[in-house]
Structures are given as C-alpha cells and as structure tokens.
Amino acid sequence: MSPSPKAADTGQDLVVDRRTRNRERRRSAVYRAAVELFIEQGYENTTMEQVAQRADVARATVFNHFPRKTAFIDEWTMLRRHRAADAVAREDIKGWPLDRILRRYVSEMARLSEDTREETVAMMTAAVHVTDLLGHPALADELSSYVRKAQKEGAVPKKLNPAQAGLLTSTAYFAVLTQWISEEPAPFPLEQELLSMLDIVLFGVLTSDDAIRLPARTAAPRPSRARKASAS
C-alpha cells in the first residue's frame, strides 16, 4: 500500500528540516571558529583556510556561508542587535517613553560587551579597521525604528527625522565603545558611560533648567553709520 500524499509530504519535510538544521550547525561552527581565531591571533592574521581547519569543514564550505571575511563581522554585529532587540521585546514596553526604551536597548548592548570583553575587543577592532562603521550602520536603522514607532504614537514630534536620530545615536554609541576597547583594563564602566551618552543625545548638552539660568542670546551689534562711512 503506497503512503498517502500527506504522509509522503511529512517525510519530505523531515528531510528538509534535518538538512536545514545540519546547515545551520555547520554555519554556526564556522562562525564560532572564526571568532575564536580572531580573539587568539587577530583578524588580519586569520585566513579562511585556518577557519575551515578549526571548524573541520572544507574551505568551500566556509565561503558558502561567509563569502568574505568581513561577513563574520556583519554576523557578529547582527547577533548583538538581535539580542538587544529581543531584550526590549520581552519587556512590557506599552506606554514606555522613548528614552526608557532606548536605555533598555543600550543597556543590553553594554552588558553583552562587558560579559564578552575579549570577543568585543577583537571584533570591534576589526570592524573599526576594515569596515565602513559609520557609513550606514544597521544599528542606526534599528534605533530609528524605535523613534519612528514613538512618532506614530504621538510621543515624538513629527518634525524629528528618525533616520537622523538613529544615525546620531549609533555614531555616539560606536564612539564610546571604541574608547572602551582601546585600553586594558577597560577605562570605564561601559553601561554607565553609554547611558550618560544617550542622555546627552536625547536631551542635549544643557537641561531646560540650565538654559533658563543662561543669559539670553543677543544679536551681534550692527556697525554705526559713522563706522560704515569710514569703511567706505
């Protein structure tokens, strides 16, 4: 008796699922092998052949999953962003102001880096030297999505440019993180410094109280007619 079409489809699905899982396992093994080598000997000193050897796969397999070496950096930054976004998504953020949401996101990014400092130093050092870190970072898009959502909810002025806000915040984030990886041991608590940076980005250098205490700005004095005449 031949199997029903439904049973045959189920068997085929199982085969596809198994192949998918095996492919993902190989991809994960290749990625972890690359990161380990970057930590041990540096990005520039690591070859794709060494990655293949560490992962125990063919060289062609490495290129199938990561066509170029910078793709490992792209993967690393993507995984960080996803984990931070997941941390925000797990919260009951309905009704949260934008600054609280962004603080939660940035705090998660900081904790990931602090928990894996050695890895962060290796990967960020590579990112700074071999990628266009500030050109159009995916982090800017991620952050601007939160600004855009807040705009739709009426919590942020319509005149604000979400893309510009995301780019400004991500640039400041990378500036702080680059300073943090530049010294051993870490020169400051990363989360604290990032949250301080975020406050400046969100609320400006001067608070409203500070602005009230400052003298009003006056226009530059105009030259008198006599001075104009002598100048002519």
Protein backbone atom coordinates (compact mmCIF):
# COMPACT_ATOMS: atom_id res chain seq x y z
CA MET A 1 0.00 0.00 0.00
CA SER A 2 1.55 3.30 -1.08
CA PRO A 3 1.84 6.08 1.51
CA SER A 4 -0.73 8.85 1.38
CA PRO A 5 0.40 12.18 -0.14
CA LYS A 6 0.17 13.75 3.30
CA ALA A 7 2.49 11.11 4.80
CA ALA A 8 4.94 11.49 1.92
CA ASP A 9 4.96 15.25 2.35
CA THR A 10 5.63 14.86 6.07
CA GLY A 11 8.60 12.61 5.39
CA GLN A 12 9.99 15.08 2.86
CA ASP A 13 9.53 17.92 5.34
CA LEU A 14 11.52 15.99 7.93
CA VAL A 15 14.37 15.54 5.46
CA VAL A 16 14.32 19.25 4.62
CA ASP A 17 14.24 20.17 8.30
CA ARG A 18 17.18 17.87 9.02
CA ARG A 19 19.17 19.40 6.16
CA THR A 20 18.35 22.87 7.39
CA ARG A 21 19.46 22.02 10.93
CA ASN A 22 22.69 20.48 9.65
CA ARG A 23 23.37 23.53 7.53
CA GLU A 24 22.76 25.84 10.48
CA ARG A 25 25.05 23.74 12.68
CA ARG A 26 27.83 23.94 10.11
CA ARG A 27 27.32 27.68 9.73
CA SER A 28 27.42 28.17 13.49
CA ALA A 29 30.57 26.04 13.77
CA VAL A 30 32.29 28.09 11.05
CA TYR A 31 31.27 31.35 12.70
CA ARG A 32 32.47 30.31 16.17
CA ALA A 33 35.75 29.05 14.71
CA ALA A 34 36.37 32.41 13.05
CA VAL A 35 35.59 34.39 16.21
CA GLU A 36 37.89 32.17 18.29
CA LEU A 37 40.73 32.72 15.83
CA PHE A 38 40.16 36.47 15.72
CA ILE A 39 40.44 36.53 19.52
CA GLU A 40 43.55 34.34 19.58
CA GLN A 41 45.58 35.85 16.73
CA GLY A 42 43.73 38.87 15.38
CA TYR A 43 41.51 39.44 12.38
CA GLU A 44 44.27 40.34 9.94
CA ASN A 45 46.33 37.26 10.82
CA THR A 46 43.45 34.85 10.32
CA THR A 47 42.83 33.21 6.94
CA MET A 48 39.74 31.47 5.62
CA GLU A 49 41.80 28.28 5.39
CA GLN A 50 42.50 28.45 9.12
CA VAL A 51 38.80 28.96 9.81
CA ALA A 52 37.97 25.87 7.75
CA GLN A 53 40.59 23.84 9.61
CA ARG A 54 39.35 24.99 13.03
CA ALA A 55 35.72 24.23 12.09
CA ASP A 56 36.70 20.90 10.49
CA VAL A 57 34.99 21.70 7.19
CA ALA A 58 36.11 22.21 3.61
CA ARG A 59 37.35 25.63 2.57
CA ALA A 60 34.47 25.84 0.08
CA THR A 61 32.02 25.36 2.96
CA VAL A 62 33.37 28.44 4.71
CA PHE A 63 32.87 30.54 1.58
CA ASN A 64 29.38 29.11 1.04
CA HIS A 65 28.30 30.51 4.40
CA PHE A 66 30.57 33.57 4.58
CA PRO A 67 31.66 34.74 1.09
CA ARG A 68 34.15 37.25 2.52
CA LYS A 69 35.94 37.64 5.82
CA THR A 70 34.08 40.82 6.76
CA ALA A 71 30.86 38.77 6.71
CA PHE A 72 31.90 37.39 10.11
CA ILE A 73 31.88 40.94 11.48
CA ASP A 74 28.46 41.55 9.90
CA GLU A 75 27.17 38.41 11.57
CA TRP A 76 28.58 39.39 14.94
CA THR A 77 27.02 42.86 14.90
CA MET A 78 23.70 41.44 13.69
CA LEU A 79 23.57 38.91 16.52
CA ARG A 80 24.27 41.68 19.05
CA ARG A 81 21.47 43.83 17.64
CA HIS A 82 19.03 40.93 17.64
CA ARG A 83 19.77 40.07 21.26
CA ALA A 84 19.28 43.68 22.34
CA ALA A 85 16.03 43.93 20.36
CA ASP A 86 14.82 40.64 21.90
CA ALA A 87 15.57 42.01 25.36
CA VAL A 88 13.38 45.03 24.62
CA ALA A 89 10.65 42.85 23.11
CA ARG A 90 10.50 40.71 26.26
CA GLU A 91 9.60 43.79 28.30
CA ASP A 92 6.07 45.10 28.64
CA ILE A 93 7.01 48.40 26.99
CA LYS A 94 3.50 49.60 26.21
CA GLY A 95 3.36 53.15 27.46
CA TRP A 96 7.13 53.41 27.92
CA PRO A 97 8.64 56.75 26.81
CA LEU A 98 11.22 56.59 24.03
CA ASP A 99 14.15 57.34 26.32
CA ARG A 100 13.32 54.37 28.55
CA ILE A 101 13.10 52.02 25.56
CA LEU A 102 16.43 53.21 24.16
CA ARG A 103 18.05 52.98 27.59
CA ARG A 104 16.92 49.34 27.83
CA TYR A 105 18.34 48.61 24.39
CA VAL A 106 21.66 50.33 25.06
CA SER A 107 21.97 48.68 28.48
CA GLU A 108 21.60 45.25 26.87
CA MET A 109 24.25 46.08 24.26
CA ALA A 110 26.58 47.23 27.04
CA ARG A 111 26.06 44.07 29.09
CA LEU A 112 26.74 41.87 26.08
CA SER A 113 30.04 43.65 25.51
CA GLU A 114 31.02 43.64 29.18
CA ASP A 115 30.24 39.92 29.51
CA THR A 116 32.37 39.10 26.44
CA ARG A 117 35.02 41.82 26.55
CA GLU A 118 37.74 39.76 24.88
CA GLU A 119 35.45 38.94 21.97
CA THR A 120 34.17 42.50 21.74
CA VAL A 121 37.70 43.91 21.61
CA ALA A 122 38.68 41.53 18.81
CA MET A 123 35.55 42.05 16.71
CA MET A 124 35.18 45.79 17.21
CA THR A 125 38.87 46.39 16.49
CA ALA A 126 38.39 44.56 13.21
CA ALA A 127 35.18 46.48 12.47
CA VAL A 128 36.91 49.83 13.01
CA HIS A 129 39.77 48.97 10.66
CA VAL A 130 38.14 47.02 7.83
CA THR A 131 34.52 48.18 7.59
CA ASP A 132 32.74 51.47 6.98
CA LEU A 133 31.48 51.53 10.54
CA LEU A 134 29.80 54.93 10.33
CA GLY A 135 28.78 54.91 6.66
CA HIS A 136 25.30 53.44 7.05
CA PRO A 137 25.32 51.24 10.13
CA ALA A 138 22.48 48.78 10.56
CA LEU A 139 22.37 49.86 14.20
CA ALA A 140 21.15 53.28 13.05
CA ASP A 141 18.22 51.63 11.26
CA GLU A 142 17.41 49.60 14.37
CA LEU A 143 17.40 52.65 16.63
CA SER A 144 15.46 54.79 14.16
CA SER A 145 12.70 52.17 14.14
CA TYR A 146 12.04 52.90 17.81
CA VAL A 147 11.95 56.64 17.09
CA ARG A 148 9.56 56.07 14.18
CA LYS A 149 7.24 53.99 16.35
CA ALA A 150 7.23 56.67 19.05
CA GLN A 151 6.34 59.23 16.38
CA LYS A 152 3.33 57.19 15.27
CA GLU A 153 2.18 57.05 18.89
CA GLY A 154 2.48 60.82 19.20
CA ALA A 155 5.30 60.65 21.76
CA VAL A 156 7.89 62.29 19.49
CA PRO A 157 7.45 65.47 17.39
CA LYS A 158 6.61 64.82 13.74
CA LYS A 159 9.34 67.22 12.61
CA LEU A 160 12.05 64.95 14.03
CA ASN A 161 13.92 62.93 11.41
CA PRO A 162 14.03 59.31 12.71
CA ALA A 163 16.88 58.32 10.38
CA GLN A 164 18.97 61.25 11.57
CA ALA A 165 18.20 60.47 15.21
CA GLY A 166 19.19 56.83 14.70
CA LEU A 167 22.43 57.77 12.96
CA LEU A 168 23.37 60.28 15.65
CA THR A 169 22.73 57.78 18.44
CA SER A 170 24.57 54.92 16.73
CA THR A 171 27.56 57.15 15.97
CA ALA A 172 27.78 58.19 19.61
CA TYR A 173 27.43 54.55 20.66
CA PHE A 174 30.33 53.47 18.45
CA ALA A 175 32.47 56.36 19.71
CA VAL A 176 32.03 55.26 23.33
CA LEU A 177 32.53 51.58 22.51
CA THR A 178 35.71 52.34 20.56
CA GLN A 179 37.12 54.19 23.57
CA TRP A 180 36.15 51.30 25.84
CA ILE A 181 38.07 48.71 23.79
CA SER A 182 41.16 50.89 23.37
CA GLU A 183 42.70 50.21 26.79
CA GLU A 184 43.35 47.31 29.14
CA PRO A 185 41.77 47.07 31.57
CA ALA A 186 38.56 48.77 30.49
CA PRO A 187 38.91 52.52 31.19
CA PHE A 188 35.33 52.96 32.46
CA PRO A 189 32.10 51.04 33.16
CA LEU A 190 30.59 50.70 29.69
CA GLU A 191 26.91 50.69 30.58
CA GLN A 192 27.22 53.79 32.73
CA GLU A 193 29.10 55.67 30.02
CA LEU A 194 26.68 54.64 27.27
CA LEU A 195 23.66 55.72 29.30
CA SER A 196 25.32 59.06 30.00
CA MET A 197 25.97 59.45 26.27
CA LEU A 198 22.36 58.60 25.50
CA ASP A 199 21.11 61.27 27.88
CA ILE A 200 23.19 63.88 26.05
CA VAL A 201 21.90 62.72 22.66
CA LEU A 202 18.28 62.68 23.80
CA PHE A 203 18.18 65.78 25.98
CA GLY A 204 21.09 67.90 24.76
CA VAL A 205 24.14 69.32 26.45
CA LEU A 206 22.05 71.73 28.51
CA THR A 207 18.98 70.80 30.52
CA SER A 208 15.99 73.12 30.43
CA ASP A 209 16.91 74.46 33.90
CA ASP A 210 20.42 75.25 32.73
CA ALA A 211 19.03 77.07 29.70
CA ILE A 212 16.80 79.21 31.91
CA ARG A 213 19.78 80.33 34.00
CA LEU A 214 21.84 81.36 30.98
CA PRO A 215 21.60 84.96 29.74
CA ALA A 216 19.52 85.41 26.62
CA ARG A 217 21.47 85.39 23.39
CA THR A 218 21.71 88.80 21.73
CA ALA A 219 22.35 89.63 18.11
CA ALA A 220 25.78 90.92 17.14
CA PRO A 221 25.83 94.74 17.32
CA ARG A 222 25.44 96.48 13.99
CA PRO A 223 28.19 98.91 12.96
CA SER A 224 27.30 102.58 13.36
CA ARG A 225 26.74 104.79 10.33
CA ALA A 226 29.96 106.64 11.06
CA ARG A 227 31.94 103.42 11.00
CA LYS A 228 30.22 102.40 7.79
CA ALA A 229 31.13 105.69 6.19
CA SER A 230 34.79 105.49 7.21
CA ALA A 231 34.96 101.93 5.90
CA SER A 232 33.72 103.09 2.52
